[in-house]
Amino acid sequence: MYSNGERVSYQLKFQAKAFGCIHRLVSFNCKILFQISD
């Protein structure tokens, strides 16, 4: 069993990782789009 604080910090770490992945994907897709439009 996790304590409440541990569960919250685990969720925050998970969200930060997920956000980082999404951010990288989005910026990668933007680079491709810009290259195509040139």
PDB file of N, CA and C in Angstrom:
ATOM      1  N   MET A   1       0.848  -1.209   0.000  1.00  0.00           N
ATOM      2  CA  MET A   1       0.000   0.000   0.000  1.00  0.00           C
ATOM      3  C   MET A   1       0.879   1.253   0.000  1.00  0.00           C
ATOM      4  N   TYR A   2       0.564   2.166  -0.850  1.00  0.00           N
ATOM      5  CA  TYR A   2       1.260   3.451  -0.849  1.00  0.00           C
ATOM      6  C   TYR A   2       0.591   4.374   0.159  1.00  0.00           C
ATOM      7  N   SER A   3       1.375   5.279   0.721  1.00  0.00           N
ATOM      8  CA  SER A   3       0.762   6.366   1.475  1.00  0.00           C
ATOM      9  C   SER A   3       0.268   7.395   0.464  1.00  0.00           C
ATOM     10  N   ASN A   4      -0.565   8.320   0.925  1.00  0.00           N
ATOM     11  CA  ASN A   4      -1.140   9.306   0.006  1.00  0.00           C
ATOM     12  C   ASN A   4      -0.065  10.127  -0.688  1.00  0.00           C
ATOM     13  N   GLY A   5       0.931  10.588   0.054  1.00  0.00           N
ATOM     14  CA  GLY A   5       1.990  11.410  -0.525  1.00  0.00           C
ATOM     15  C   GLY A   5       2.749  10.662  -1.597  1.00  0.00           C
ATOM     16  N   GLU A   6       3.038   9.382  -1.344  1.00  0.00           N
ATOM     17  CA  GLU A   6       3.772   8.588  -2.328  1.00  0.00           C
ATOM     18  C   GLU A   6       2.955   8.423  -3.601  1.00  0.00           C
ATOM     19  N   ARG A   7       1.666   8.184  -3.439  1.00  0.00           N
ATOM     20  CA  ARG A   7       0.820   7.983  -4.616  1.00  0.00           C
ATOM     21  C   ARG A   7       0.771   9.265  -5.445  1.00  0.00           C
ATOM     22  N   VAL A   8       0.645  10.406  -4.787  1.00  0.00           N
ATOM     23  CA  VAL A   8       0.575  11.687  -5.502  1.00  0.00           C
ATOM     24  C   VAL A   8       1.875  11.937  -6.248  1.00  0.00           C
ATOM     25  N   SER A   9       3.019  11.722  -5.590  1.00  0.00           N
ATOM     26  CA  SER A   9       4.291  11.996  -6.259  1.00  0.00           C
ATOM     27  C   SER A   9       4.500  11.022  -7.413  1.00  0.00           C
ATOM     28  N   TYR A  10       4.024   9.778  -7.261  1.00  0.00           N
ATOM     29  CA  TYR A  10       4.138   8.807  -8.351  1.00  0.00           C
ATOM     30  C   TYR A  10       3.314   9.270  -9.547  1.00  0.00           C
ATOM     31  N   GLN A  11       2.094   9.743  -9.298  1.00  0.00           N
ATOM     32  CA  GLN A  11       1.234  10.227 -10.383  1.00  0.00           C
ATOM     33  C   GLN A  11       1.855  11.441 -11.063  1.00  0.00           C
ATOM     34  N   LEU A  12       2.444  12.341 -10.264  1.00  0.00           N
ATOM     35  CA  LEU A  12       3.059  13.537 -10.844  1.00  0.00           C
ATOM     36  C   LEU A  12       4.235  13.150 -11.721  1.00  0.00           C
ATOM     37  N   LYS A  13       5.047  12.192 -11.267  1.00  0.00           N
ATOM     38  CA  LYS A  13       6.182  11.744 -12.072  1.00  0.00           C
ATOM     39  C   LYS A  13       5.690  11.123 -13.367  1.00  0.00           C
ATOM     40  N   PHE A  14       4.629  10.322 -13.267  1.00  0.00           N
ATOM     41  CA  PHE A  14       4.081   9.665 -14.450  1.00  0.00           C
ATOM     42  C   PHE A  14       3.551  10.711 -15.430  1.00  0.00           C
ATOM     43  N   GLN A  15       2.827  11.713 -14.909  1.00  0.00           N
ATOM     44  CA  GLN A  15       2.286  12.767 -15.766  1.00  0.00           C
ATOM     45  C   GLN A  15       3.417  13.557 -16.417  1.00  0.00           C
ATOM     46  N   ALA A  16       4.473  13.837 -15.667  1.00  0.00           N
ATOM     47  CA  ALA A  16       5.602  14.588 -16.218  1.00  0.00           C
ATOM     48  C   ALA A  16       6.241  13.806 -17.354  1.00  0.00           C
ATOM     49  N   LYS A  17       6.385  12.475 -17.155  1.00  0.00           N
ATOM     50  CA  LYS A  17       6.968  11.629 -18.207  1.00  0.00           C
ATOM     51  C   LYS A  17       6.073  11.623 -19.435  1.00  0.00           C
ATOM     52  N   ALA A  18       4.770  11.438 -19.213  1.00  0.00           N
ATOM     53  CA  ALA A  18       3.826  11.396 -20.332  1.00  0.00           C
ATOM     54  C   ALA A  18       3.832  12.729 -21.073  1.00  0.00           C
ATOM     55  N   PHE A  19       3.856  13.836 -20.321  1.00  0.00           N
ATOM     56  CA  PHE A  19       3.869  15.156 -20.942  1.00  0.00           C
ATOM     57  C   PHE A  19       5.150  15.342 -21.747  1.00  0.00           C
ATOM     58  N   GLY A  20       6.276  14.884 -21.212  1.00  0.00           N
ATOM     59  CA  GLY A  20       7.546  14.993 -21.932  1.00  0.00           C
ATOM     60  C   GLY A  20       7.501  14.228 -23.243  1.00  0.00           C
ATOM     61  N   CYS A  21       6.918  13.026 -23.209  1.00  0.00           N
ATOM     62  CA  CYS A  21       6.818  12.208 -24.426  1.00  0.00           C
ATOM     63  C   CYS A  21       5.935  12.903 -25.455  1.00  0.00           C
ATOM     64  N   ILE A  22       4.791  13.396 -25.016  1.00  0.00           N
ATOM     65  CA  ILE A  22       3.861  14.069 -25.927  1.00  0.00           C
ATOM     66  C   ILE A  22       4.525  15.309 -26.513  1.00  0.00           C
ATOM     67  N   HIS A  23       5.227  16.072 -25.664  1.00  0.00           N
ATOM     68  CA  HIS A  23       5.888  17.297 -26.124  1.00  0.00           C
ATOM     69  C   HIS A  23       6.917  16.970 -27.202  1.00  0.00           C
ATOM     70  N   ARG A  24       7.681  15.892 -26.978  1.00  0.00           N
ATOM     71  CA  ARG A  24       8.690  15.499 -27.968  1.00  0.00           C
ATOM     72  C   ARG A  24       8.025  15.076 -29.270  1.00  0.00           C
ATOM     73  N   LEU A  25       6.948  14.302 -29.172  1.00  0.00           N
ATOM     74  CA  LEU A  25       6.233  13.858 -30.375  1.00  0.00           C
ATOM     75  C   LEU A  25       5.703  15.054 -31.154  1.00  0.00           C
ATOM     76  N   VAL A  26       5.103  16.000 -30.434  1.00  0.00           N
ATOM     77  CA  VAL A  26       4.513  17.167 -31.095  1.00  0.00           C
ATOM     78  C   VAL A  26       5.591  17.986 -31.784  1.00  0.00           C
ATOM     79  N   SER A  27       6.702  18.256 -31.091  1.00  0.00           N
ATOM     80  CA  SER A  27       7.745  19.076 -31.705  1.00  0.00           C
ATOM     81  C   SER A  27       8.371  18.338 -32.879  1.00  0.00           C
ATOM     82  N   PHE A  28       8.465  17.003 -32.781  1.00  0.00           N
ATOM     83  CA  PHE A  28       9.001  16.199 -33.885  1.00  0.00           C
ATOM     84  C   PHE A  28       8.072  16.300 -35.096  1.00  0.00           C
ATOM     85  N   ASN A  29       6.764  16.175 -34.859  1.00  0.00           N
ATOM     86  CA  ASN A  29       5.787  16.285 -35.946  1.00  0.00           C
ATOM     87  C   ASN A  29       5.816  17.676 -36.565  1.00  0.00           C
ATOM     88  N   CYS A  30       5.986  18.703 -35.743  1.00  0.00           N
ATOM     89  CA  CYS A  30       6.039  20.071 -36.260  1.00  0.00           C
ATOM     90  C   CYS A  30       7.237  20.236 -37.183  1.00  0.00           C
ATOM     91  N   LYS A  31       8.378  19.669 -36.800  1.00  0.00           N
ATOM     92  CA  LYS A  31       9.569  19.770 -37.645  1.00  0.00           C
ATOM     93  C   LYS A  31       9.306  19.136 -39.002  1.00  0.00           C
ATOM     94  N   ILE A  32       8.659  17.969 -38.997  1.00  0.00           N
ATOM     95  CA  ILE A  32       8.356  17.277 -40.255  1.00  0.00           C
ATOM     96  C   ILE A  32       7.411  18.131 -41.099  1.00  0.00           C
ATOM     97  N   LEU A  33       6.377  18.693 -40.470  1.00  0.00           N
ATOM     98  CA  LEU A  33       5.418  19.524 -41.203  1.00  0.00           C
ATOM     99  C   LEU A  33       6.110  20.728 -41.821  1.00  0.00           C
ATOM    100  N   PHE A  34       6.995  21.358 -41.050  1.00  0.00           N
ATOM    101  CA  PHE A  34       7.683  22.545 -41.565  1.00  0.00           C
ATOM    102  C   PHE A  34       8.601  22.174 -42.723  1.00  0.00           C
ATOM    103  N   GLN A  35       9.222  20.995 -42.630  1.00  0.00           N
ATOM    104  CA  GLN A  35      10.105  20.565 -43.716  1.00  0.00           C
ATOM    105  C   GLN A  35       9.301  20.311 -44.988  1.00  0.00           C
ATOM    106  N   ILE A  36       8.107  19.728 -44.829  1.00  0.00           N
ATOM    107  CA  ILE A  36       7.261  19.442 -45.991  1.00  0.00           C
ATOM    108  C   ILE A  36       6.794  20.752 -46.630  1.00  0.00           C
ATOM    109  N   SER A  37       6.459  21.743 -45.808  1.00  0.00           N
ATOM    110  CA  SER A  37       5.891  22.985 -46.343  1.00  0.00           C
ATOM    111  C   SER A  37       6.953  23.853 -47.009  1.00  0.00           C
ATOM    112  N   ASP A  38       8.225  23.603 -46.747  1.00  0.00           N
ATOM    113  CA  ASP A  38       9.281  24.423 -47.357  1.00  0.00           C
ATOM    114  C   ASP A  38       9.395  24.190 -48.853  1.00  0.00           C
TER     115      ASP A  38
END
